[in-house]
Amino acid sequence: MSTPVLSVHEYPVPIESRRECRVYERQACEVPTACLPASVREMKETPWKGLIADISQEGVRLKLQRRFEKGTGLAIELPGDGEQAPSTVFAKVVHMRRYEDGDWMLGCKFLSELSEEQLQRLTNTK
């Protein structure tokens, strides 16, 4: 007698028991930013203003007034400081959630990791 093979979909893992899989720890911050889909960047579209709520070398959590679908490539502006000019980084939306105030939280993974210097500049850590 053979044992039936159960599909993953038949026994989903509760959200509470999923393990955190990040390599780098996210650092909380409140950094103004703007972003837009990478596909329209060259069309000089007006970017959407928002906040970087937390960031690590591999990803970022954005708070925006609009959502972008999972899988969307974004061009995200990182502000400059007295020594460094503003820069643009590219990320892909991996999850999204709506806040009670109507804004959207977008969890994004960078296509290329940030340098330690870029991260320190944004989080004011040394």
PDB file of N, CA and C in Angstrom:
ATOM      1  N   MET A   1       0.842  -1.175   0.000  1.00  0.00           N
ATOM      2  CA  MET A   1       0.000   0.000   0.000  1.00  0.00           C
ATOM      3  C   MET A   1       0.885   1.235   0.000  1.00  0.00           C
ATOM      4  N   SER A   2       0.646   2.136  -0.936  1.00  0.00           N
ATOM      5  CA  SER A   2       1.478   3.329  -1.011  1.00  0.00           C
ATOM      6  C   SER A   2       0.871   4.459  -0.199  1.00  0.00           C
ATOM      7  N   THR A   3       1.739   5.308   0.314  1.00  0.00           N
ATOM      8  CA  THR A   3       1.319   6.471   1.092  1.00  0.00           C
ATOM      9  C   THR A   3       1.059   7.626   0.145  1.00  0.00           C
ATOM     10  N   PRO A   4      -0.094   8.313   0.267  1.00  0.00           N
ATOM     11  CA  PRO A   4      -0.355   9.438  -0.638  1.00  0.00           C
ATOM     12  C   PRO A   4       0.612  10.580  -0.391  1.00  0.00           C
ATOM     13  N   VAL A   5       1.007  11.231  -1.454  1.00  0.00           N
ATOM     14  CA  VAL A   5       1.879  12.389  -1.369  1.00  0.00           C
ATOM     15  C   VAL A   5       0.995  13.628  -1.244  1.00  0.00           C
ATOM     16  N   LEU A   6       1.243  14.431  -0.224  1.00  0.00           N
ATOM     17  CA  LEU A   6       0.435  15.619   0.015  1.00  0.00           C
ATOM     18  C   LEU A   6       1.055  16.830  -0.656  1.00  0.00           C
ATOM     19  N   SER A   7       0.232  17.616  -1.249  1.00  0.00           N
ATOM     20  CA  SER A   7       0.663  18.850  -1.891  1.00  0.00           C
ATOM     21  C   SER A   7       0.964  19.890  -0.828  1.00  0.00           C
ATOM     22  N   VAL A   8       1.902  20.775  -1.119  1.00  0.00           N
ATOM     23  CA  VAL A   8       2.210  21.893  -0.232  1.00  0.00           C
ATOM     24  C   VAL A   8       0.963  22.744  -0.012  1.00  0.00           C
ATOM     25  N   HIS A   9       0.127  22.833  -1.017  1.00  0.00           N
ATOM     26  CA  HIS A   9      -1.069  23.667  -0.940  1.00  0.00           C
ATOM     27  C   HIS A   9      -2.098  23.111   0.031  1.00  0.00           C
ATOM     28  N   GLU A  10      -2.027  21.812   0.333  1.00  0.00           N
ATOM     29  CA  GLU A  10      -2.983  21.216   1.251  1.00  0.00           C
ATOM     30  C   GLU A  10      -2.671  21.571   2.703  1.00  0.00           C
ATOM     31  N   TYR A  11      -1.431  21.841   3.020  1.00  0.00           N
ATOM     32  CA  TYR A  11      -1.024  22.179   4.378  1.00  0.00           C
ATOM     33  C   TYR A  11      -0.129  23.415   4.353  1.00  0.00           C
ATOM     34  N   PRO A  12      -0.721  24.595   4.140  1.00  0.00           N
ATOM     35  CA  PRO A  12       0.102  25.810   4.080  1.00  0.00           C
ATOM     36  C   PRO A  12       0.758  26.106   5.420  1.00  0.00           C
ATOM     37  N   VAL A  13       1.936  26.683   5.361  1.00  0.00           N
ATOM     38  CA  VAL A  13       2.663  27.057   6.565  1.00  0.00           C
ATOM     39  C   VAL A  13       2.111  28.376   7.072  1.00  0.00           C
ATOM     40  N   PRO A  14       1.683  28.441   8.353  1.00  0.00           N
ATOM     41  CA  PRO A  14       1.173  29.707   8.882  1.00  0.00           C
ATOM     42  C   PRO A  14       2.233  30.797   8.813  1.00  0.00           C
ATOM     43  N   ILE A  15       1.804  32.018   8.583  1.00  0.00           N
ATOM     44  CA  ILE A  15       2.732  33.147   8.466  1.00  0.00           C
ATOM     45  C   ILE A  15       3.609  33.262   9.699  1.00  0.00           C
ATOM     46  N   GLU A  16       3.033  33.027  10.887  1.00  0.00           N
ATOM     47  CA  GLU A  16       3.795  33.184  12.129  1.00  0.00           C
ATOM     48  C   GLU A  16       4.983  32.242  12.217  1.00  0.00           C
ATOM     49  N   SER A  17       4.915  31.084  11.539  1.00  0.00           N
ATOM     50  CA  SER A  17       5.989  30.114  11.659  1.00  0.00           C
ATOM     51  C   SER A  17       7.017  30.196  10.537  1.00  0.00           C
ATOM     52  N   ARG A  18       6.821  31.095   9.587  1.00  0.00           N
ATOM     53  CA  ARG A  18       7.811  31.248   8.524  1.00  0.00           C
ATOM     54  C   ARG A  18       9.065  31.890   9.082  1.00  0.00           C
ATOM     55  N   ARG A  19      10.190  31.418   8.641  1.00  0.00           N
ATOM     56  CA  ARG A  19      11.455  31.954   9.125  1.00  0.00           C
ATOM     57  C   ARG A  19      11.893  33.149   8.305  1.00  0.00           C
ATOM     58  N   GLU A  20      12.572  34.072   8.975  1.00  0.00           N
ATOM     59  CA  GLU A  20      13.145  35.240   8.318  1.00  0.00           C
ATOM     60  C   GLU A  20      14.350  34.756   7.519  1.00  0.00           C
ATOM     61  N   CYS A  21      14.403  35.103   6.226  1.00  0.00           N
ATOM     62  CA  CYS A  21      15.458  34.594   5.357  1.00  0.00           C
ATOM     63  C   CYS A  21      16.437  35.670   4.917  1.00  0.00           C
ATOM     64  N   ARG A  22      16.423  36.822   5.541  1.00  0.00           N
ATOM     65  CA  ARG A  22      17.316  37.898   5.125  1.00  0.00           C
ATOM     66  C   ARG A  22      18.745  37.627   5.558  1.00  0.00           C
ATOM     67  N   VAL A  23      19.671  37.999   4.696  1.00  0.00           N
ATOM     68  CA  VAL A  23      21.091  37.878   5.004  1.00  0.00           C
ATOM     69  C   VAL A  23      21.529  39.075   5.838  1.00  0.00           C
ATOM     70  N   TYR A  24      21.025  40.276   5.493  1.00  0.00           N
ATOM     71  CA  TYR A  24      21.403  41.505   6.180  1.00  0.00           C
ATOM     72  C   TYR A  24      20.238  42.008   7.025  1.00  0.00           C
ATOM     73  N   GLU A  25      20.556  42.528   8.190  1.00  0.00           N
ATOM     74  CA  GLU A  25      19.533  43.088   9.060  1.00  0.00           C
ATOM     75  C   GLU A  25      19.041  44.423   8.504  1.00  0.00           C
ATOM     76  N   ARG A  26      17.736  44.615   8.507  1.00  0.00           N
ATOM     77  CA  ARG A  26      17.158  45.885   8.072  1.00  0.00           C
ATOM     78  C   ARG A  26      17.360  46.924   9.161  1.00  0.00           C
ATOM     79  N   GLN A  27      17.641  48.158   8.741  1.00  0.00           N
ATOM     80  CA  GLN A  27      17.831  49.264   9.673  1.00  0.00           C
ATOM     81  C   GLN A  27      16.722  50.284   9.448  1.00  0.00           C
ATOM     82  N   ALA A  28      16.022  50.628  10.522  1.00  0.00           N
ATOM     83  CA  ALA A  28      14.925  51.584  10.431  1.00  0.00           C
ATOM     84  C   ALA A  28      15.461  52.969  10.079  1.00  0.00           C
ATOM     85  N   CYS A  29      14.692  53.703   9.295  1.00  0.00           N
ATOM     86  CA  CYS A  29      15.044  55.074   8.941  1.00  0.00           C
ATOM     87  C   CYS A  29      13.788  55.754   8.409  1.00  0.00           C
ATOM     88  N   GLU A  30      13.842  57.036   8.208  1.00  0.00           N
ATOM     89  CA  GLU A  30      12.763  57.791   7.572  1.00  0.00           C
ATOM     90  C   GLU A  30      13.412  58.733   6.578  1.00  0.00           C
ATOM     91  N   VAL A  31      13.720  58.206   5.415  1.00  0.00           N
ATOM     92  CA  VAL A  31      14.437  58.950   4.390  1.00  0.00           C
ATOM     93  C   VAL A  31      13.481  59.242   3.231  1.00  0.00           C
ATOM     94  N   PRO A  32      13.273  60.531   2.909  1.00  0.00           N
ATOM     95  CA  PRO A  32      12.425  60.850   1.757  1.00  0.00           C
ATOM     96  C   PRO A  32      13.035  60.291   0.469  1.00  0.00           C
ATOM     97  N   THR A  33      12.170  59.806  -0.396  1.00  0.00           N
ATOM     98  CA  THR A  33      12.617  59.231  -1.659  1.00  0.00           C
ATOM     99  C   THR A  33      11.551  59.458  -2.721  1.00  0.00           C
ATOM    100  N   ALA A  34      11.832  59.022  -3.899  1.00  0.00           N
ATOM    101  CA  ALA A  34      10.865  59.002  -4.994  1.00  0.00           C
ATOM    102  C   ALA A  34      11.205  57.793  -5.846  1.00  0.00           C
ATOM    103  N   CYS A  35      10.184  57.227  -6.472  1.00  0.00           N
ATOM    104  CA  CYS A  35      10.437  56.070  -7.330  1.00  0.00           C
ATOM    105  C   CYS A  35       9.427  56.038  -8.460  1.00  0.00           C
ATOM    106  N   LEU A  36       9.745  55.255  -9.456  1.00  0.00           N
ATOM    107  CA  LEU A  36       8.850  55.031 -10.571  1.00  0.00           C
ATOM    108  C   LEU A  36       9.242  53.721 -11.220  1.00  0.00           C
ATOM    109  N   PRO A  37       8.330  53.141 -11.997  1.00  0.00           N
ATOM    110  CA  PRO A  37       8.697  51.903 -12.674  1.00  0.00           C
ATOM    111  C   PRO A  37       9.922  52.123 -13.557  1.00  0.00           C
ATOM    112  N   ALA A  38      10.853  51.204 -13.485  1.00  0.00           N
ATOM    113  CA  ALA A  38      12.078  51.321 -14.284  1.00  0.00           C
ATOM    114  C   ALA A  38      11.758  51.375 -15.774  1.00  0.00           C
ATOM    115  N   SER A  39      10.650  50.764 -16.176  1.00  0.00           N
ATOM    116  CA  SER A  39      10.291  50.720 -17.597  1.00  0.00           C
ATOM    117  C   SER A  39       9.900  52.082 -18.167  1.00  0.00           C
ATOM    118  N   VAL A  40       9.529  53.044 -17.323  1.00  0.00           N
ATOM    119  CA  VAL A  40       9.138  54.373 -17.822  1.00  0.00           C
ATOM    120  C   VAL A  40      10.160  55.445 -17.433  1.00  0.00           C
ATOM    121  N   ARG A  41      11.275  55.042 -16.872  1.00  0.00           N
ATOM    122  CA  ARG A  41      12.291  55.991 -16.397  1.00  0.00           C
ATOM    123  C   ARG A  41      12.771  56.929 -17.503  1.00  0.00           C
ATOM    124  N   GLU A  42      12.998  56.426 -18.679  1.00  0.00           N
ATOM    125  CA  GLU A  42      13.507  57.238 -19.784  1.00  0.00           C
ATOM    126  C   GLU A  42      12.440  58.158 -20.372  1.00  0.00           C
ATOM    127  N   MET A  43      11.187  57.948 -20.029  1.00  0.00           N
ATOM    128  CA  MET A  43      10.098  58.770 -20.552  1.00  0.00           C
ATOM    129  C   MET A  43       9.892  60.040 -19.730  1.00  0.00           C
ATOM    130  N   LYS A  44      10.736  60.259 -18.747  1.00  0.00           N
ATOM    131  CA  LYS A  44      10.681  61.454 -17.903  1.00  0.00           C
ATOM    132  C   LYS A  44       9.341  61.587 -17.178  1.00  0.00           C
ATOM    133  N   GLU A  45       8.773  60.449 -16.750  1.00  0.00           N
ATOM    134  CA  GLU A  45       7.539  60.446 -15.968  1.00  0.00           C
ATOM    135  C   GLU A  45       7.811  61.056 -14.595  1.00  0.00           C
ATOM    136  N   THR A  46       6.782  61.612 -13.975  1.00  0.00           N
ATOM    137  CA  THR A  46       6.909  62.172 -12.638  1.00  0.00           C
ATOM    138  C   THR A  46       6.984  61.030 -11.628  1.00  0.00           C
ATOM    139  N   PRO A  47       8.036  60.997 -10.805  1.00  0.00           N
ATOM    140  CA  PRO A  47       8.156  59.916  -9.828  1.00  0.00           C
ATOM    141  C   PRO A  47       7.168  60.099  -8.666  1.00  0.00           C
ATOM    142  N   TRP A  48       6.874  59.007  -7.998  1.00  0.00           N
ATOM    143  CA  TRP A  48       6.011  59.005  -6.827  1.00  0.00           C
ATOM    144  C   TRP A  48       6.858  59.253  -5.589  1.00  0.00           C
ATOM    145  N   LYS A  49       6.485  60.244  -4.788  1.00  0.00           N
ATOM    146  CA  LYS A  49       7.204  60.559  -3.547  1.00  0.00           C
ATOM    147  C   LYS A  49       6.814  59.558  -2.469  1.00  0.00           C
ATOM    148  N   GLY A  50       7.746  59.277  -1.579  1.00  0.00           N
ATOM    149  CA  GLY A  50       7.494  58.349  -0.487  1.00  0.00           C
ATOM    150  C   GLY A  50       8.590  58.415   0.551  1.00  0.00           C
ATOM    151  N   LEU A  51       8.612  57.428   1.416  1.00  0.00           N
ATOM    152  CA  LEU A  51       9.619  57.317   2.464  1.00  0.00           C
ATOM    153  C   LEU A  51      10.265  55.947   2.419  1.00  0.00           C
ATOM    154  N   ILE A  52      11.564  55.929   2.690  1.00  0.00           N
ATOM    155  CA  ILE A  52      12.243  54.670   2.948  1.00  0.00           C
ATOM    156  C   ILE A  52      12.042  54.418   4.438  1.00  0.00           C
ATOM    157  N   ALA A  53      11.323  53.343   4.781  1.00  0.00           N
ATOM    158  CA  ALA A  53      11.020  53.040   6.178  1.00  0.00           C
ATOM    159  C   ALA A  53      12.096  52.180   6.825  1.00  0.00           C
ATOM    160  N   ASP A  54      12.683  51.289   6.060  1.00  0.00           N
ATOM    161  CA  ASP A  54      13.858  50.551   6.523  1.00  0.00           C
ATOM    162  C   ASP A  54      14.628  50.070   5.308  1.00  0.00           C
ATOM    163  N   ILE A  55      15.886  49.744   5.566  1.00  0.00           N
ATOM    164  CA  ILE A  55      16.784  49.436   4.446  1.00  0.00           C
ATOM    165  C   ILE A  55      17.895  48.506   4.921  1.00  0.00           C
ATOM    166  N   SER A  56      18.379  47.686   4.013  1.00  0.00           N
ATOM    167  CA  SER A  56      19.570  46.869   4.241  1.00  0.00           C
ATOM    168  C   SER A  56      20.350  46.887   2.936  1.00  0.00           C
ATOM    169  N   GLN A  57      21.463  46.182   2.914  1.00  0.00           N
ATOM    170  CA  GLN A  57      22.256  46.148   1.692  1.00  0.00           C
ATOM    171  C   GLN A  57      21.526  45.424   0.562  1.00  0.00           C
ATOM    172  N   GLU A  58      20.551  44.557   0.905  1.00  0.00           N
ATOM    173  CA  GLU A  58      19.883  43.790  -0.142  1.00  0.00           C
ATOM    174  C   GLU A  58      18.454  44.214  -0.439  1.00  0.00           C
ATOM    175  N   GLY A  59      17.868  45.097   0.388  1.00  0.00           N
ATOM    176  CA  GLY A  59      16.482  45.461   0.132  1.00  0.00           C
ATOM    177  C   GLY A  59      16.023  46.679   0.897  1.00  0.00           C
ATOM    178  N   VAL A  60      14.772  47.054   0.634  1.00  0.00           N
ATOM    179  CA  VAL A  60      14.228  48.285   1.194  1.00  0.00           C
ATOM    180  C   VAL A  60      12.718  48.122   1.391  1.00  0.00           C
ATOM    181  N   ARG A  61      12.183  48.799   2.399  1.00  0.00           N
ATOM    182  CA  ARG A  61      10.737  48.885   2.573  1.00  0.00           C
ATOM    183  C   ARG A  61      10.334  50.323   2.326  1.00  0.00           C
ATOM    184  N   LEU A  62       9.491  50.519   1.317  1.00  0.00           N
ATOM    185  CA  LEU A  62       9.034  51.852   0.932  1.00  0.00           C
ATOM    186  C   LEU A  62       7.608  52.072   1.402  1.00  0.00           C
ATOM    187  N   LYS A  63       7.310  53.301   1.798  1.00  0.00           N
ATOM    188  CA  LYS A  63       5.937  53.695   2.101  1.00  0.00           C
ATOM    189  C   LYS A  63       5.540  54.725   1.053  1.00  0.00           C
ATOM    190  N   LEU A  64       4.505  54.380   0.258  1.00  0.00           N
ATOM    191  CA  LEU A  64       4.062  55.218  -0.860  1.00  0.00           C
ATOM    192  C   LEU A  64       2.549  55.377  -0.832  1.00  0.00           C
ATOM    193  N   GLN A  65       2.055  56.344  -1.592  1.00  0.00           N
ATOM    194  CA  GLN A  65       0.618  56.535  -1.701  1.00  0.00           C
ATOM    195  C   GLN A  65       0.006  55.707  -2.830  1.00  0.00           C
ATOM    196  N   ARG A  66       0.799  54.927  -3.512  1.00  0.00           N
ATOM    197  CA  ARG A  66       0.267  54.028  -4.541  1.00  0.00           C
ATOM    198  C   ARG A  66       0.994  52.705  -4.456  1.00  0.00           C
ATOM    199  N   ARG A  67       0.380  51.702  -5.022  1.00  0.00           N
ATOM    200  CA  ARG A  67       1.023  50.393  -5.006  1.00  0.00           C
ATOM    201  C   ARG A  67       1.637  50.103  -6.364  1.00  0.00           C
ATOM    202  N   PHE A  68       2.616  49.260  -6.343  1.00  0.00           N
ATOM    203  CA  PHE A  68       3.174  48.668  -7.545  1.00  0.00           C
ATOM    204  C   PHE A  68       3.061  47.164  -7.359  1.00  0.00           C
ATOM    205  N   GLU A  69       2.692  46.459  -8.387  1.00  0.00           N
ATOM    206  CA  GLU A  69       2.461  45.024  -8.308  1.00  0.00           C
ATOM    207  C   GLU A  69       3.753  44.257  -8.031  1.00  0.00           C
ATOM    208  N   LYS A  70       3.595  43.103  -7.409  1.00  0.00           N
ATOM    209  CA  LYS A  70       4.707  42.189  -7.165  1.00  0.00           C
ATOM    210  C   LYS A  70       5.393  41.895  -8.490  1.00  0.00           C
ATOM    211  N   GLY A  71       6.718  41.976  -8.499  1.00  0.00           N
ATOM    212  CA  GLY A  71       7.497  41.723  -9.712  1.00  0.00           C
ATOM    213  C   GLY A  71       7.845  42.979 -10.489  1.00  0.00           C
ATOM    214  N   THR A  72       7.225  44.117 -10.141  1.00  0.00           N
ATOM    215  CA  THR A  72       7.517  45.368 -10.850  1.00  0.00           C
ATOM    216  C   THR A  72       8.939  45.823 -10.548  1.00  0.00           C
ATOM    217  N   GLY A  73       9.675  46.197 -11.557  1.00  0.00           N
ATOM    218  CA  GLY A  73      11.002  46.773 -11.384  1.00  0.00           C
ATOM    219  C   GLY A  73      10.865  48.264 -11.106  1.00  0.00           C
ATOM    220  N   LEU A  74      11.519  48.749 -10.063  1.00  0.00           N
ATOM    221  CA  LEU A  74      11.449  50.161  -9.698  1.00  0.00           C
ATOM    222  C   LEU A  74      12.817  50.814  -9.762  1.00  0.00           C
ATOM    223  N   ALA A  75      12.822  52.071 -10.161  1.00  0.00           N
ATOM    224  CA  ALA A  75      14.006  52.931 -10.061  1.00  0.00           C
ATOM    225  C   ALA A  75      13.757  53.790  -8.824  1.00  0.00           C
ATOM    226  N   ILE A  76      14.592  53.648  -7.804  1.00  0.00           N
ATOM    227  CA  ILE A  76      14.416  54.321  -6.514  1.00  0.00           C
ATOM    228  C   ILE A  76      15.532  55.335  -6.324  1.00  0.00           C
ATOM    229  N   GLU A  77      15.137  56.582  -6.021  1.00  0.00           N
ATOM    230  CA  GLU A  77      16.123  57.643  -5.791  1.00  0.00           C
ATOM    231  C   GLU A  77      16.649  57.567  -4.366  1.00  0.00           C
ATOM    232  N   LEU A  78      17.970  57.560  -4.236  1.00  0.00           N
ATOM    233  CA  LEU A  78      18.611  57.659  -2.932  1.00  0.00           C
ATOM    234  C   LEU A  78      19.164  59.071  -2.816  1.00  0.00           C
ATOM    235  N   PRO A  79      18.813  59.786  -1.749  1.00  0.00           N
ATOM    236  CA  PRO A  79      19.261  61.171  -1.630  1.00  0.00           C
ATOM    237  C   PRO A  79      20.769  61.275  -1.454  1.00  0.00           C
ATOM    238  N   GLY A  80      21.298  62.395  -1.846  1.00  0.00           N
ATOM    239  CA  GLY A  80      22.715  62.666  -1.650  1.00  0.00           C
ATOM    240  C   GLY A  80      22.926  63.348  -0.312  1.00  0.00           C
ATOM    241  N   ASP A  81      24.166  63.704  -0.066  1.00  0.00           N
ATOM    242  CA  ASP A  81      24.510  64.506   1.114  1.00  0.00           C
ATOM    243  C   ASP A  81      25.529  65.535   0.653  1.00  0.00           C
ATOM    244  N   GLY A  82      26.203  66.173   1.558  1.00  0.00           N
ATOM    245  CA  GLY A  82      27.176  67.191   1.187  1.00  0.00           C
ATOM    246  C   GLY A  82      28.319  66.677   0.329  1.00  0.00           C
ATOM    247  N   GLU A  83      28.622  65.380   0.450  1.00  0.00           N
ATOM    248  CA  GLU A  83      29.753  64.802  -0.273  1.00  0.00           C
ATOM    249  C   GLU A  83      29.339  63.958  -1.485  1.00  0.00           C
ATOM    250  N   GLN A  84      28.180  63.329  -1.423  1.00  0.00           N
ATOM    251  CA  GLN A  84      27.735  62.426  -2.481  1.00  0.00           C
ATOM    252  C   GLN A  84      26.494  62.975  -3.177  1.00  0.00           C
ATOM    253  N   ALA A  85      26.442  62.844  -4.477  1.00  0.00           N
ATOM    254  CA  ALA A  85      25.274  63.255  -5.262  1.00  0.00           C
ATOM    255  C   ALA A  85      24.169  62.211  -5.107  1.00  0.00           C
ATOM    256  N   PRO A  86      22.912  62.600  -5.330  1.00  0.00           N
ATOM    257  CA  PRO A  86      21.828  61.605  -5.321  1.00  0.00           C
ATOM    258  C   PRO A  86      22.116  60.519  -6.357  1.00  0.00           C
ATOM    259  N   SER A  87      21.582  59.340  -6.105  1.00  0.00           N
ATOM    260  CA  SER A  87      21.785  58.232  -7.036  1.00  0.00           C
ATOM    261  C   SER A  87      20.477  57.460  -7.203  1.00  0.00           C
ATOM    262  N   THR A  88      20.432  56.630  -8.208  1.00  0.00           N
ATOM    263  CA  THR A  88      19.263  55.798  -8.470  1.00  0.00           C
ATOM    264  C   THR A  88      19.681  54.338  -8.376  1.00  0.00           C
ATOM    265  N   VAL A  89      18.883  53.566  -7.663  1.00  0.00           N
ATOM    266  CA  VAL A  89      19.116  52.125  -7.560  1.00  0.00           C
ATOM    267  C   VAL A  89      17.888  51.409  -8.112  1.00  0.00           C
ATOM    268  N   PHE A  90      18.068  50.179  -8.522  1.00  0.00           N
ATOM    269  CA  PHE A  90      16.982  49.406  -9.107  1.00  0.00           C
ATOM    270  C   PHE A  90      16.625  48.247  -8.198  1.00  0.00           C
ATOM    271  N   ALA A  91      15.324  48.027  -8.052  1.00  0.00           N
ATOM    272  CA  ALA A  91      14.829  46.969  -7.169  1.00  0.00           C
ATOM    273  C   ALA A  91      13.580  46.353  -7.784  1.00  0.00           C
ATOM    274  N   LYS A  92      13.222  45.202  -7.267  1.00  0.00           N
ATOM    275  CA  LYS A  92      12.007  44.508  -7.704  1.00  0.00           C
ATOM    276  C   LYS A  92      11.083  44.364  -6.496  1.00  0.00           C
ATOM    277  N   VAL A  93       9.801  44.673  -6.684  1.00  0.00           N
ATOM    278  CA  VAL A  93       8.809  44.530  -5.620  1.00  0.00           C
ATOM    279  C   VAL A  93       8.603  43.039  -5.350  1.00  0.00           C
ATOM    280  N   VAL A  94       8.780  42.640  -4.076  1.00  0.00           N
ATOM    281  CA  VAL A  94       8.585  41.232  -3.720  1.00  0.00           C
ATOM    282  C   VAL A  94       7.320  41.020  -2.891  1.00  0.00           C
ATOM    283  N   HIS A  95       6.833  42.043  -2.226  1.00  0.00           N
ATOM    284  CA  HIS A  95       5.552  41.951  -1.533  1.00  0.00           C
ATOM    285  C   HIS A  95       5.020  43.347  -1.263  1.00  0.00           C
ATOM    286  N   MET A  96       3.721  43.417  -0.974  1.00  0.00           N
ATOM    287  CA  MET A  96       3.088  44.707  -0.707  1.00  0.00           C
ATOM    288  C   MET A  96       1.968  44.511   0.307  1.00  0.00           C
ATOM    289  N   ARG A  97       1.652  45.603   1.009  1.00  0.00           N
ATOM    290  CA  ARG A  97       0.585  45.584   1.999  1.00  0.00           C
ATOM    291  C   ARG A  97       0.025  46.987   2.126  1.00  0.00           C
ATOM    292  N   ARG A  98      -1.262  47.087   2.337  1.00  0.00           N
ATOM    293  CA  ARG A  98      -1.897  48.391   2.496  1.00  0.00           C
ATOM    294  C   ARG A  98      -1.950  48.753   3.975  1.00  0.00           C
ATOM    295  N   TYR A  99      -1.535  49.984   4.301  1.00  0.00           N
ATOM    296  CA  TYR A  99      -1.632  50.502   5.662  1.00  0.00           C
ATOM    297  C   TYR A  99      -3.056  50.987   5.922  1.00  0.00           C
ATOM    298  N   GLU A 100      -3.408  51.128   7.187  1.00  0.00           N
ATOM    299  CA  GLU A 100      -4.737  51.624   7.552  1.00  0.00           C
ATOM    300  C   GLU A 100      -4.995  53.035   7.025  1.00  0.00           C
ATOM    301  N   ASP A 101      -3.938  53.842   6.889  1.00  0.00           N
ATOM    302  CA  ASP A 101      -4.110  55.216   6.400  1.00  0.00           C
ATOM    303  C   ASP A 101      -4.261  55.294   4.872  1.00  0.00           C
ATOM    304  N   GLY A 102      -4.244  54.147   4.208  1.00  0.00           N
ATOM    305  CA  GLY A 102      -4.412  54.117   2.761  1.00  0.00           C
ATOM    306  C   GLY A 102      -3.109  54.056   1.983  1.00  0.00           C
ATOM    307  N   ASP A 103      -1.980  54.340   2.637  1.00  0.00           N
ATOM    308  CA  ASP A 103      -0.681  54.234   1.967  1.00  0.00           C
ATOM    309  C   ASP A 103      -0.334  52.754   1.771  1.00  0.00           C
ATOM    310  N   TRP A 104       0.695  52.522   0.980  1.00  0.00           N
ATOM    311  CA  TRP A 104       1.149  51.168   0.678  1.00  0.00           C
ATOM    312  C   TRP A 104       2.571  50.949   1.166  1.00  0.00           C
ATOM    313  N   MET A 105       2.825  49.778   1.693  1.00  0.00           N
ATOM    314  CA  MET A 105       4.167  49.346   2.049  1.00  0.00           C
ATOM    315  C   MET A 105       4.602  48.383   0.962  1.00  0.00           C
ATOM    316  N   LEU A 106       5.772  48.669   0.374  1.00  0.00           N
ATOM    317  CA  LEU A 106       6.336  47.796  -0.650  1.00  0.00           C
ATOM    318  C   LEU A 106       7.665  47.242  -0.158  1.00  0.00           C
ATOM    319  N   GLY A 107       7.785  45.945  -0.082  1.00  0.00           N
ATOM    320  CA  GLY A 107       9.053  45.304   0.227  1.00  0.00           C
ATOM    321  C   GLY A 107       9.758  45.027  -1.088  1.00  0.00           C
ATOM    322  N   CYS A 108      10.960  45.548  -1.231  1.00  0.00           N
ATOM    323  CA  CYS A 108      11.691  45.445  -2.504  1.00  0.00           C
ATOM    324  C   CYS A 108      13.075  44.854  -2.287  1.00  0.00           C
ATOM    325  N   LYS A 109      13.533  44.100  -3.255  1.00  0.00           N
ATOM    326  CA  LYS A 109      14.890  43.535  -3.248  1.00  0.00           C
ATOM    327  C   LYS A 109      15.710  44.244  -4.316  1.00  0.00           C
ATOM    328  N   PHE A 110      16.876  44.765  -3.907  1.00  0.00           N
ATOM    329  CA  PHE A 110      17.753  45.440  -4.857  1.00  0.00           C
ATOM    330  C   PHE A 110      18.291  44.443  -5.885  1.00  0.00           C
ATOM    331  N   LEU A 111      18.470  44.905  -7.120  1.00  0.00           N
ATOM    332  CA  LEU A 111      19.069  44.058  -8.147  1.00  0.00           C
ATOM    333  C   LEU A 111      20.558  43.893  -7.892  1.00  0.00           C
ATOM    334  N   SER A 112      21.191  44.938  -7.345  1.00  0.00           N
ATOM    335  CA  SER A 112      22.594  44.888  -6.913  1.00  0.00           C
ATOM    336  C   SER A 112      22.647  45.416  -5.485  1.00  0.00           C
ATOM    337  N   GLU A 113      23.352  44.723  -4.620  1.00  0.00           N
ATOM    338  CA  GLU A 113      23.412  45.145  -3.221  1.00  0.00           C
ATOM    339  C   GLU A 113      24.004  46.541  -3.084  1.00  0.00           C
ATOM    340  N   LEU A 114      23.539  47.260  -2.052  1.00  0.00           N
ATOM    341  CA  LEU A 114      24.129  48.560  -1.722  1.00  0.00           C
ATOM    342  C   LEU A 114      25.495  48.336  -1.106  1.00  0.00           C
ATOM    343  N   SER A 115      26.349  49.323  -1.251  1.00  0.00           N
ATOM    344  CA  SER A 115      27.640  49.264  -0.572  1.00  0.00           C
ATOM    345  C   SER A 115      27.426  49.646   0.892  1.00  0.00           C
ATOM    346  N   GLU A 116      28.361  49.292   1.729  1.00  0.00           N
ATOM    347  CA  GLU A 116      28.301  49.659   3.144  1.00  0.00           C
ATOM    348  C   GLU A 116      28.268  51.185   3.284  1.00  0.00           C
ATOM    349  N   GLU A 117      29.002  51.890   2.420  1.00  0.00           N
ATOM    350  CA  GLU A 117      29.027  53.357   2.445  1.00  0.00           C
ATOM    351  C   GLU A 117      27.648  53.944   2.120  1.00  0.00           C
ATOM    352  N   GLN A 118      26.980  53.415   1.105  1.00  0.00           N
ATOM    353  CA  GLN A 118      25.633  53.891   0.765  1.00  0.00           C
ATOM    354  C   GLN A 118      24.668  53.667   1.922  1.00  0.00           C
ATOM    355  N   LEU A 119      24.756  52.510   2.544  1.00  0.00           N
ATOM    356  CA  LEU A 119      23.878  52.191   3.652  1.00  0.00           C
ATOM    357  C   LEU A 119      24.131  53.104   4.846  1.00  0.00           C
ATOM    358  N   GLN A 120      25.374  53.339   5.181  1.00  0.00           N
ATOM    359  CA  GLN A 120      25.714  54.218   6.298  1.00  0.00           C
ATOM    360  C   GLN A 120      25.226  55.639   6.046  1.00  0.00           C
ATOM    361  N   ARG A 121      25.342  56.091   4.829  1.00  0.00           N
ATOM    362  CA  ARG A 121      24.897  57.453   4.484  1.00  0.00           C
ATOM    363  C   ARG A 121      23.393  57.606   4.721  1.00  0.00           C
ATOM    364  N   LEU A 122      22.622  56.592   4.410  1.00  0.00           N
ATOM    365  CA  LEU A 122      21.168  56.648   4.551  1.00  0.00           C
ATOM    366  C   LEU A 122      20.682  56.431   5.973  1.00  0.00           C
ATOM    367  N   THR A 123      21.442  55.683   6.756  1.00  0.00           N
ATOM    368  CA  THR A 123      21.005  55.361   8.114  1.00  0.00           C
ATOM    369  C   THR A 123      21.777  56.144   9.180  1.00  0.00           C
ATOM    370  N   ASN A 124      22.749  56.935   8.749  1.00  0.00           N
ATOM    371  CA  ASN A 124      23.579  57.731   9.672  1.00  0.00           C
ATOM    372  C   ASN A 124      24.263  56.887  10.732  1.00  0.00           C
ATOM    373  N   THR A 125      24.723  55.678  10.349  1.00  0.00           N
ATOM    374  CA  THR A 125      25.467  54.827  11.267  1.00  0.00           C
ATOM    375  C   THR A 125      26.915  54.774  10.814  1.00  0.00           C
ATOM    376  N   LYS A 126      27.791  54.647  11.711  1.00  0.00           N
ATOM    377  CA  LYS A 126      29.225  54.541  11.391  1.00  0.00           C
ATOM    378  C   LYS A 126      29.801  53.287  11.975  1.00  0.00           C
TER     379      LYS A 126
END
